[in-house]
Amino acid sequence: MQPFFLPGGLLDNMPNFQRGMMTAVGRFATELMDQVGRTRGSSQIDRDLEQARGFLNEQPNVWIWQPSVSLWPSATSAQKYRAGRQKLLDYNKRLAFGPGVFDRPLRQSPGAARPYRQR
């Protein structure tokens, strides 16, 4: 046990705290997908939010091998959480730039060395 003046001194059950935090993040991703991520006027779910929900609702105790799922090695929980984080960041970038910005192809400007997005 750590002394009380260290940051982890008051947290006597760190594994359960981490499990609770990941459960809360997974629930947040589910609610974000259900309440906010639907396209206006339809029931279509945003693809990035749907994938983020799947990644973030993963069990936190999967390392390399989970025999109840498969006999082959699989992605760890940490790898799936990182992938879920990236999907949330992708969704956030699309919100920042507006609808359809990432759907259009990049065009080369005449005389420019690198591609740009037309607005």
N, C-alpha and C. Protein backbone atom coordinates (compact mmCIF):
# COMPACT_ATOMS: atom_id res chain seq x y z
N MET A 1 0.84 -1.18 0.00
CA MET A 1 0.00 0.00 0.00
C MET A 1 0.89 1.25 0.00
N GLN A 2 0.49 2.25 -0.75
CA GLN A 2 1.27 3.48 -0.85
C GLN A 2 0.90 4.43 0.29
N PRO A 3 1.83 5.33 0.65
CA PRO A 3 1.50 6.34 1.67
C PRO A 3 0.39 7.27 1.19
N PHE A 4 -0.33 7.88 2.10
CA PHE A 4 -1.48 8.70 1.77
C PHE A 4 -1.14 9.93 0.92
N PHE A 5 0.11 10.42 0.97
CA PHE A 5 0.46 11.64 0.25
C PHE A 5 0.82 11.39 -1.21
N LEU A 6 0.91 10.15 -1.65
CA LEU A 6 1.13 9.85 -3.07
C LEU A 6 -0.21 9.80 -3.79
N PRO A 7 -0.23 10.07 -5.11
CA PRO A 7 -1.51 10.12 -5.84
C PRO A 7 -2.32 8.83 -5.76
N GLY A 8 -1.67 7.68 -5.73
CA GLY A 8 -2.41 6.42 -5.68
C GLY A 8 -2.67 5.93 -4.28
N GLY A 9 -2.31 6.71 -3.27
CA GLY A 9 -2.46 6.28 -1.89
C GLY A 9 -3.90 6.09 -1.46
N LEU A 10 -4.80 6.89 -1.98
CA LEU A 10 -6.21 6.79 -1.61
C LEU A 10 -6.98 5.78 -2.46
N LEU A 11 -6.37 5.35 -3.54
CA LEU A 11 -7.02 4.38 -4.40
C LEU A 11 -6.57 2.99 -4.00
N ASP A 12 -7.34 2.32 -3.17
CA ASP A 12 -6.93 1.02 -2.66
C ASP A 12 -7.30 -0.14 -3.57
N ASN A 13 -8.10 0.12 -4.59
CA ASN A 13 -8.54 -0.97 -5.46
C ASN A 13 -8.43 -0.52 -6.92
N MET A 14 -7.22 -0.31 -7.39
CA MET A 14 -6.97 0.26 -8.71
C MET A 14 -7.56 -0.58 -9.86
N PRO A 15 -7.47 -1.92 -9.86
CA PRO A 15 -8.06 -2.66 -10.99
C PRO A 15 -9.56 -2.43 -11.15
N ASN A 16 -10.29 -2.38 -10.05
CA ASN A 16 -11.73 -2.13 -10.16
C ASN A 16 -12.02 -0.70 -10.58
N PHE A 17 -11.18 0.25 -10.16
CA PHE A 17 -11.33 1.63 -10.60
C PHE A 17 -11.15 1.72 -12.12
N GLN A 18 -10.11 1.07 -12.64
CA GLN A 18 -9.86 1.09 -14.08
C GLN A 18 -10.99 0.41 -14.84
N ARG A 19 -11.50 -0.70 -14.32
CA ARG A 19 -12.61 -1.40 -14.97
C ARG A 19 -13.85 -0.50 -14.99
N GLY A 20 -14.10 0.20 -13.89
CA GLY A 20 -15.23 1.11 -13.83
C GLY A 20 -15.10 2.27 -14.81
N MET A 21 -13.90 2.80 -14.95
CA MET A 21 -13.67 3.88 -15.90
C MET A 21 -13.91 3.41 -17.33
N MET A 22 -13.44 2.23 -17.68
CA MET A 22 -13.63 1.72 -19.04
C MET A 22 -15.10 1.39 -19.29
N THR A 23 -15.80 0.93 -18.27
CA THR A 23 -17.24 0.70 -18.41
C THR A 23 -17.96 2.01 -18.68
N ALA A 24 -17.57 3.08 -17.97
CA ALA A 24 -18.19 4.39 -18.18
C ALA A 24 -17.89 4.93 -19.57
N VAL A 25 -16.66 4.77 -20.05
CA VAL A 25 -16.31 5.24 -21.39
C VAL A 25 -17.08 4.46 -22.45
N GLY A 26 -17.20 3.15 -22.25
CA GLY A 26 -17.98 2.33 -23.18
C GLY A 26 -19.45 2.73 -23.21
N ARG A 27 -20.00 3.02 -22.04
CA ARG A 27 -21.40 3.45 -21.97
C ARG A 27 -21.59 4.83 -22.63
N PHE A 28 -20.59 5.72 -22.44
CA PHE A 28 -20.63 7.02 -23.09
C PHE A 28 -20.64 6.87 -24.61
N ALA A 29 -19.80 5.98 -25.13
CA ALA A 29 -19.75 5.76 -26.58
C ALA A 29 -21.08 5.22 -27.09
N THR A 30 -21.72 4.35 -26.32
CA THR A 30 -23.03 3.81 -26.72
C THR A 30 -24.08 4.92 -26.76
N GLU A 31 -24.12 5.75 -25.73
CA GLU A 31 -25.10 6.83 -25.69
C GLU A 31 -24.82 7.88 -26.75
N LEU A 32 -23.54 8.16 -27.00
CA LEU A 32 -23.19 9.11 -28.05
C LEU A 32 -23.69 8.62 -29.40
N MET A 33 -23.51 7.33 -29.65
CA MET A 33 -23.98 6.76 -30.91
C MET A 33 -25.50 6.80 -31.00
N ASP A 34 -26.18 6.45 -29.92
CA ASP A 34 -27.65 6.40 -29.95
C ASP A 34 -28.30 7.77 -30.00
N GLN A 35 -27.78 8.73 -29.25
CA GLN A 35 -28.45 10.02 -29.11
C GLN A 35 -27.96 11.08 -30.09
N VAL A 36 -26.66 11.13 -30.35
CA VAL A 36 -26.08 12.23 -31.12
C VAL A 36 -25.67 11.79 -32.52
N GLY A 37 -25.23 10.55 -32.65
CA GLY A 37 -24.59 10.13 -33.89
C GLY A 37 -25.50 9.74 -35.03
N ARG A 38 -26.77 9.85 -34.87
CA ARG A 38 -27.66 9.50 -35.97
C ARG A 38 -27.76 10.66 -36.95
N THR A 39 -27.80 10.34 -38.22
CA THR A 39 -27.91 11.35 -39.25
C THR A 39 -29.26 12.03 -39.15
N ARG A 40 -29.28 13.32 -39.32
CA ARG A 40 -30.51 14.08 -39.18
C ARG A 40 -31.56 13.60 -40.18
N GLY A 41 -32.74 13.27 -39.68
CA GLY A 41 -33.84 12.88 -40.54
C GLY A 41 -33.87 11.40 -40.90
N SER A 42 -32.91 10.62 -40.40
CA SER A 42 -32.93 9.19 -40.69
C SER A 42 -32.46 8.44 -39.46
N SER A 43 -32.56 7.15 -39.53
CA SER A 43 -32.11 6.33 -38.41
C SER A 43 -30.74 5.72 -38.69
N GLN A 44 -30.04 6.23 -39.67
CA GLN A 44 -28.72 5.71 -40.00
C GLN A 44 -27.72 6.11 -38.92
N ILE A 45 -26.90 5.16 -38.48
CA ILE A 45 -25.92 5.39 -37.43
C ILE A 45 -24.59 5.77 -38.06
N ASP A 46 -23.88 6.70 -37.45
CA ASP A 46 -22.57 7.08 -37.94
C ASP A 46 -21.62 5.89 -37.83
N ARG A 47 -20.90 5.61 -38.90
CA ARG A 47 -20.02 4.44 -38.97
C ARG A 47 -18.89 4.51 -37.94
N ASP A 48 -18.26 5.67 -37.77
CA ASP A 48 -17.16 5.80 -36.82
C ASP A 48 -17.63 5.60 -35.38
N LEU A 49 -18.79 6.15 -35.04
CA LEU A 49 -19.31 5.97 -33.69
C LEU A 49 -19.71 4.53 -33.42
N GLU A 50 -20.23 3.87 -34.43
CA GLU A 50 -20.60 2.47 -34.25
C GLU A 50 -19.37 1.62 -34.00
N GLN A 51 -18.30 1.86 -34.75
CA GLN A 51 -17.07 1.11 -34.55
C GLN A 51 -16.42 1.46 -33.21
N ALA A 52 -16.46 2.74 -32.83
CA ALA A 52 -15.89 3.15 -31.54
C ALA A 52 -16.63 2.45 -30.40
N ARG A 53 -17.93 2.37 -30.49
CA ARG A 53 -18.70 1.67 -29.45
C ARG A 53 -18.27 0.22 -29.34
N GLY A 54 -18.08 -0.44 -30.46
CA GLY A 54 -17.65 -1.83 -30.43
C GLY A 54 -16.28 -2.00 -29.79
N PHE A 55 -15.37 -1.10 -30.11
CA PHE A 55 -14.02 -1.19 -29.55
C PHE A 55 -14.00 -0.84 -28.06
N LEU A 56 -14.75 0.18 -27.65
CA LEU A 56 -14.69 0.65 -26.27
C LEU A 56 -15.51 -0.19 -25.30
N ASN A 57 -16.37 -1.05 -25.79
CA ASN A 57 -17.13 -1.94 -24.91
C ASN A 57 -16.47 -3.30 -24.77
N GLU A 58 -15.20 -3.38 -25.03
CA GLU A 58 -14.43 -4.61 -24.93
C GLU A 58 -14.13 -4.92 -23.46
N GLN A 59 -14.05 -6.20 -23.12
CA GLN A 59 -13.67 -6.59 -21.77
C GLN A 59 -12.25 -6.12 -21.47
N PRO A 60 -11.97 -5.58 -20.29
CA PRO A 60 -10.64 -5.02 -20.01
C PRO A 60 -9.57 -6.05 -19.68
N ASN A 61 -9.91 -7.31 -19.61
CA ASN A 61 -8.93 -8.31 -19.19
C ASN A 61 -8.46 -9.22 -20.32
N VAL A 62 -8.53 -8.77 -21.55
CA VAL A 62 -8.05 -9.55 -22.69
C VAL A 62 -6.63 -9.11 -23.01
N TRP A 63 -5.70 -10.05 -22.96
CA TRP A 63 -4.32 -9.71 -23.28
C TRP A 63 -4.00 -10.17 -24.68
N ILE A 64 -3.41 -11.32 -24.84
CA ILE A 64 -3.07 -11.81 -26.18
C ILE A 64 -4.01 -12.95 -26.59
N TRP A 65 -4.41 -13.75 -25.65
CA TRP A 65 -5.14 -14.96 -25.97
C TRP A 65 -6.36 -15.09 -25.07
N GLN A 66 -7.50 -15.29 -25.67
CA GLN A 66 -8.74 -15.48 -24.92
C GLN A 66 -9.38 -16.77 -25.43
N PRO A 67 -9.17 -17.88 -24.73
CA PRO A 67 -9.64 -19.16 -25.24
C PRO A 67 -11.16 -19.28 -25.33
N SER A 68 -11.92 -18.46 -24.60
CA SER A 68 -13.37 -18.54 -24.70
C SER A 68 -13.89 -17.98 -26.02
N VAL A 69 -13.07 -17.16 -26.70
CA VAL A 69 -13.47 -16.56 -27.97
C VAL A 69 -12.84 -17.29 -29.15
N SER A 70 -11.53 -17.50 -29.08
CA SER A 70 -10.82 -18.12 -30.19
C SER A 70 -9.55 -18.79 -29.67
N LEU A 71 -9.10 -19.81 -30.38
CA LEU A 71 -7.85 -20.45 -30.00
C LEU A 71 -6.64 -19.70 -30.54
N TRP A 72 -6.87 -18.73 -31.42
CA TRP A 72 -5.78 -17.95 -32.00
C TRP A 72 -5.58 -16.66 -31.22
N PRO A 73 -4.37 -16.13 -31.22
CA PRO A 73 -4.14 -14.83 -30.56
C PRO A 73 -4.98 -13.74 -31.20
N SER A 74 -5.41 -12.80 -30.40
CA SER A 74 -6.25 -11.71 -30.91
C SER A 74 -5.69 -10.37 -30.44
N ALA A 75 -6.36 -9.31 -30.79
CA ALA A 75 -5.94 -7.98 -30.34
C ALA A 75 -6.20 -7.83 -28.85
N THR A 76 -5.32 -7.14 -28.18
CA THR A 76 -5.49 -6.92 -26.74
C THR A 76 -6.55 -5.86 -26.49
N SER A 77 -6.99 -5.78 -25.25
CA SER A 77 -7.96 -4.75 -24.88
C SER A 77 -7.40 -3.36 -25.13
N ALA A 78 -6.13 -3.16 -24.79
CA ALA A 78 -5.52 -1.84 -24.97
C ALA A 78 -5.49 -1.45 -26.45
N GLN A 79 -5.23 -2.39 -27.34
CA GLN A 79 -5.22 -2.10 -28.77
C GLN A 79 -6.63 -1.72 -29.25
N LYS A 80 -7.63 -2.40 -28.74
CA LYS A 80 -9.00 -2.08 -29.13
C LYS A 80 -9.44 -0.73 -28.57
N TYR A 81 -9.00 -0.41 -27.36
CA TYR A 81 -9.32 0.90 -26.79
C TYR A 81 -8.67 2.01 -27.60
N ARG A 82 -7.43 1.81 -28.05
CA ARG A 82 -6.76 2.81 -28.89
C ARG A 82 -7.50 2.98 -30.22
N ALA A 83 -7.95 1.87 -30.80
CA ALA A 83 -8.71 1.95 -32.06
C ALA A 83 -10.03 2.69 -31.84
N GLY A 84 -10.69 2.46 -30.71
CA GLY A 84 -11.92 3.18 -30.39
C GLY A 84 -11.68 4.66 -30.21
N ARG A 85 -10.57 5.01 -29.56
CA ARG A 85 -10.20 6.41 -29.40
C ARG A 85 -9.98 7.06 -30.75
N GLN A 86 -9.31 6.37 -31.66
CA GLN A 86 -9.05 6.92 -32.99
C GLN A 86 -10.36 7.12 -33.75
N LYS A 87 -11.32 6.21 -33.61
CA LYS A 87 -12.61 6.38 -34.27
C LYS A 87 -13.36 7.59 -33.72
N LEU A 88 -13.27 7.83 -32.40
CA LEU A 88 -13.90 9.02 -31.84
C LEU A 88 -13.22 10.29 -32.35
N LEU A 89 -11.90 10.26 -32.48
CA LEU A 89 -11.19 11.42 -33.03
C LEU A 89 -11.57 11.66 -34.49
N ASP A 90 -11.74 10.58 -35.27
CA ASP A 90 -12.16 10.72 -36.66
C ASP A 90 -13.55 11.36 -36.75
N TYR A 91 -14.45 10.93 -35.88
CA TYR A 91 -15.80 11.52 -35.84
C TYR A 91 -15.71 13.00 -35.48
N ASN A 92 -14.87 13.33 -34.51
CA ASN A 92 -14.71 14.72 -34.09
C ASN A 92 -14.14 15.58 -35.21
N LYS A 93 -13.20 15.06 -35.97
CA LYS A 93 -12.64 15.81 -37.09
C LYS A 93 -13.71 16.10 -38.14
N ARG A 94 -14.55 15.11 -38.41
CA ARG A 94 -15.63 15.33 -39.38
C ARG A 94 -16.60 16.40 -38.89
N LEU A 95 -16.86 16.44 -37.58
CA LEU A 95 -17.73 17.48 -37.03
C LEU A 95 -17.09 18.85 -37.16
N ALA A 96 -15.80 18.93 -36.96
CA ALA A 96 -15.10 20.22 -37.00
C ALA A 96 -15.07 20.81 -38.41
N PHE A 97 -14.93 19.96 -39.43
CA PHE A 97 -14.81 20.46 -40.79
C PHE A 97 -16.13 20.51 -41.54
N GLY A 98 -17.19 20.00 -40.96
CA GLY A 98 -18.48 20.05 -41.62
C GLY A 98 -18.80 18.76 -42.35
N PRO A 99 -20.06 18.59 -42.72
CA PRO A 99 -20.47 17.35 -43.37
C PRO A 99 -19.91 17.23 -44.79
N GLY A 100 -19.48 16.06 -45.13
CA GLY A 100 -19.05 15.76 -46.49
C GLY A 100 -17.65 16.19 -46.84
N VAL A 101 -16.91 16.79 -45.92
CA VAL A 101 -15.57 17.27 -46.27
C VAL A 101 -14.64 16.10 -46.57
N PHE A 102 -14.72 15.06 -45.78
CA PHE A 102 -13.83 13.92 -45.99
C PHE A 102 -14.37 12.94 -47.02
N ASP A 103 -15.56 13.18 -47.52
CA ASP A 103 -16.13 12.31 -48.54
C ASP A 103 -15.65 12.69 -49.94
N ARG A 104 -15.27 13.96 -50.12
CA ARG A 104 -14.83 14.44 -51.43
C ARG A 104 -13.38 14.05 -51.67
N PRO A 105 -13.03 13.77 -52.91
CA PRO A 105 -11.63 13.42 -53.19
C PRO A 105 -10.75 14.67 -53.13
N LEU A 106 -9.47 14.44 -52.83
CA LEU A 106 -8.50 15.53 -52.86
C LEU A 106 -8.21 15.91 -54.30
N ARG A 107 -8.06 17.21 -54.57
CA ARG A 107 -7.74 17.67 -55.92
C ARG A 107 -6.40 18.37 -55.91
N GLN A 108 -5.66 18.20 -56.96
CA GLN A 108 -4.36 18.85 -57.09
C GLN A 108 -4.55 20.23 -57.72
N SER A 109 -4.04 21.23 -57.05
CA SER A 109 -4.11 22.59 -57.56
C SER A 109 -3.05 22.75 -58.66
N PRO A 110 -3.35 23.47 -59.74
CA PRO A 110 -2.32 23.67 -60.77
C PRO A 110 -1.15 24.47 -60.19
N GLY A 111 0.03 23.90 -60.31
CA GLY A 111 1.23 24.56 -59.82
C GLY A 111 1.51 24.34 -58.35
N ALA A 112 0.62 23.68 -57.63
CA ALA A 112 0.86 23.44 -56.20
C ALA A 112 1.56 22.09 -56.03
N ALA A 113 2.37 22.01 -55.00
CA ALA A 113 3.13 20.79 -54.76
C ALA A 113 2.35 19.76 -53.96
N ARG A 114 1.34 20.18 -53.22
CA ARG A 114 0.60 19.22 -52.40
C ARG A 114 -0.91 19.43 -52.58
N PRO A 115 -1.68 18.37 -52.35
CA PRO A 115 -3.13 18.47 -52.55
C PRO A 115 -3.79 19.32 -51.47
N TYR A 116 -4.93 19.88 -51.79
CA TYR A 116 -5.72 20.65 -50.85
C TYR A 116 -7.18 20.25 -50.99
N ARG A 117 -7.97 20.64 -50.03
CA ARG A 117 -9.40 20.35 -50.07
C ARG A 117 -10.14 21.58 -50.57
N GLN A 118 -11.03 21.35 -51.52
CA GLN A 118 -11.84 22.46 -52.04
C GLN A 118 -13.02 22.67 -51.11
N ARG A 119 -13.33 23.91 -50.81
CA ARG A 119 -14.47 24.21 -49.90
C ARG A 119 -15.58 24.83 -50.67
